[in-house]
Amino acid sequence: MVQKIRWTMLLIGVVILLTAMVQNSETTPLKLFFYQTELPVSVLLLATSATSFLLGAITVGRILKRSAQAKLTRAKLTPAKLVPAKPPEKEKTVPAEPKTTTG
């Protein structure tokens, strides 16, 4: 169920991005440190979206990897669930025969 929600959200995001790209085709100046050029806004939207998606995916991947390593470490440090030992069996004693005195 959660996976379907994720895919739906991703699809909605892609549709919104594509709509914004189609509607914004005029060029705009881009200045980055000493670099200067003019690019269509749609190209800038695509580059920004792709970069942020990749950075997010890398971050989530690292978090999941650390979480998995932490689980393995905890599993190694804590003893496995032990099967409870059976209580020791009581020794079966044969009742002693009553001592009778014959006289």
Protein backbone atom coordinates (compact mmCIF):
# COMPACT_ATOMS: atom_id res chain seq x y z
CA MET A 1 0.00 0.00 0.00
CA VAL A 2 2.79 2.42 0.93
CA GLN A 3 4.63 1.55 -2.28
CA LYS A 4 1.57 2.52 -4.35
CA ILE A 5 1.39 5.86 -2.57
CA ARG A 6 5.06 6.53 -3.30
CA TRP A 7 4.67 5.73 -6.99
CA THR A 8 1.55 7.90 -7.20
CA MET A 9 3.34 10.84 -5.57
CA LEU A 10 6.31 10.40 -7.93
CA LEU A 11 4.00 10.32 -10.95
CA ILE A 12 2.18 13.46 -9.80
CA GLY A 13 5.53 15.22 -9.30
CA VAL A 14 6.71 14.25 -12.79
CA VAL A 15 3.45 15.49 -14.37
CA ILE A 16 3.74 18.83 -12.53
CA LEU A 17 7.39 19.17 -13.57
CA LEU A 18 6.63 18.42 -17.22
CA THR A 19 3.74 20.89 -17.20
CA ALA A 20 5.98 23.62 -15.74
CA MET A 21 8.69 22.84 -18.31
CA VAL A 22 6.28 23.09 -21.26
CA GLN A 23 4.79 26.36 -20.02
CA ASN A 24 8.17 28.02 -19.33
CA SER A 25 10.19 27.87 -22.52
CA GLU A 26 11.58 31.44 -22.54
CA THR A 27 15.28 31.93 -21.93
CA THR A 28 16.79 33.41 -18.84
CA PRO A 29 20.36 34.38 -17.92
CA LEU A 30 22.29 32.00 -15.73
CA LYS A 31 25.23 33.26 -13.72
CA LEU A 32 27.26 30.73 -11.72
CA PHE A 33 30.51 32.08 -10.27
CA PHE A 34 32.48 33.08 -13.38
CA TYR A 35 30.21 31.23 -15.82
CA GLN A 36 27.45 33.14 -17.62
CA THR A 37 24.98 31.90 -20.23
CA GLU A 38 21.34 31.98 -21.24
CA LEU A 39 19.20 28.87 -20.97
CA PRO A 40 15.51 28.09 -21.28
CA VAL A 41 13.74 27.97 -17.92
CA SER A 42 12.59 24.43 -18.74
CA VAL A 43 16.21 23.22 -18.92
CA LEU A 44 16.98 24.87 -15.58
CA LEU A 45 13.89 23.24 -14.03
CA LEU A 46 14.93 19.84 -15.35
CA ALA A 47 18.53 20.22 -14.14
CA THR A 48 17.45 21.43 -10.70
CA SER A 49 14.86 18.68 -10.31
CA ALA A 50 17.23 15.93 -11.42
CA THR A 51 19.97 17.17 -9.10
CA SER A 52 17.67 17.36 -6.09
CA PHE A 53 16.21 13.91 -6.85
CA LEU A 54 19.69 12.36 -7.05
CA LEU A 55 20.84 14.04 -3.84
CA GLY A 56 17.70 12.86 -2.06
CA ALA A 57 18.13 9.30 -3.33
CA ILE A 58 21.78 9.22 -2.23
CA THR A 59 20.85 10.56 1.22
CA VAL A 60 18.06 8.03 1.71
CA GLY A 61 20.34 5.24 0.50
CA ARG A 62 23.01 6.17 3.05
CA ILE A 63 20.44 6.37 5.85
CA LEU A 64 19.06 2.93 4.98
CA LYS A 65 22.57 1.48 4.77
CA ARG A 66 23.50 2.84 8.19
CA SER A 67 20.26 1.55 9.64
CA ALA A 68 20.91 -1.93 8.26
CA GLN A 69 24.46 -1.90 9.63
CA ALA A 70 23.20 -0.80 13.04
CA LYS A 71 20.70 -3.66 13.09
CA LEU A 72 23.44 -6.14 12.24
CA THR A 73 25.68 -4.74 14.94
CA ARG A 74 22.91 -4.94 17.52
CA ALA A 75 22.12 -8.50 16.45
CA LYS A 76 25.76 -9.49 16.97
CA LEU A 77 25.97 -7.83 20.37
CA THR A 78 22.75 -9.17 21.83
CA PRO A 79 22.36 -12.88 22.38
CA ALA A 80 19.87 -14.68 20.24
CA LYS A 81 16.57 -15.55 21.77
CA LEU A 82 17.25 -18.56 23.83
CA VAL A 83 14.83 -21.40 24.04
CA PRO A 84 13.85 -21.65 27.66
CA ALA A 85 15.46 -24.65 29.25
CA LYS A 86 13.23 -27.35 30.55
CA PRO A 87 13.10 -27.37 34.29
CA PRO A 88 15.13 -30.21 35.74
CA GLU A 89 13.07 -33.30 36.19
CA LYS A 90 12.44 -34.21 39.76
CA GLU A 91 13.97 -37.45 40.74
CA LYS A 92 11.40 -40.09 40.94
CA THR A 93 11.68 -41.69 44.30
CA VAL A 94 10.14 -44.96 45.12
CA PRO A 95 8.31 -44.67 48.38
CA ALA A 96 10.14 -46.56 51.03
CA GLU A 97 8.40 -49.53 52.43
CA PRO A 98 7.17 -48.89 55.89
CA LYS A 99 9.36 -50.49 58.44
CA THR A 100 7.47 -52.94 60.43
CA THR A 101 8.75 -54.44 63.53
CA THR A 102 7.82 -57.95 64.26
CA GLY A 103 8.19 -58.98 67.64
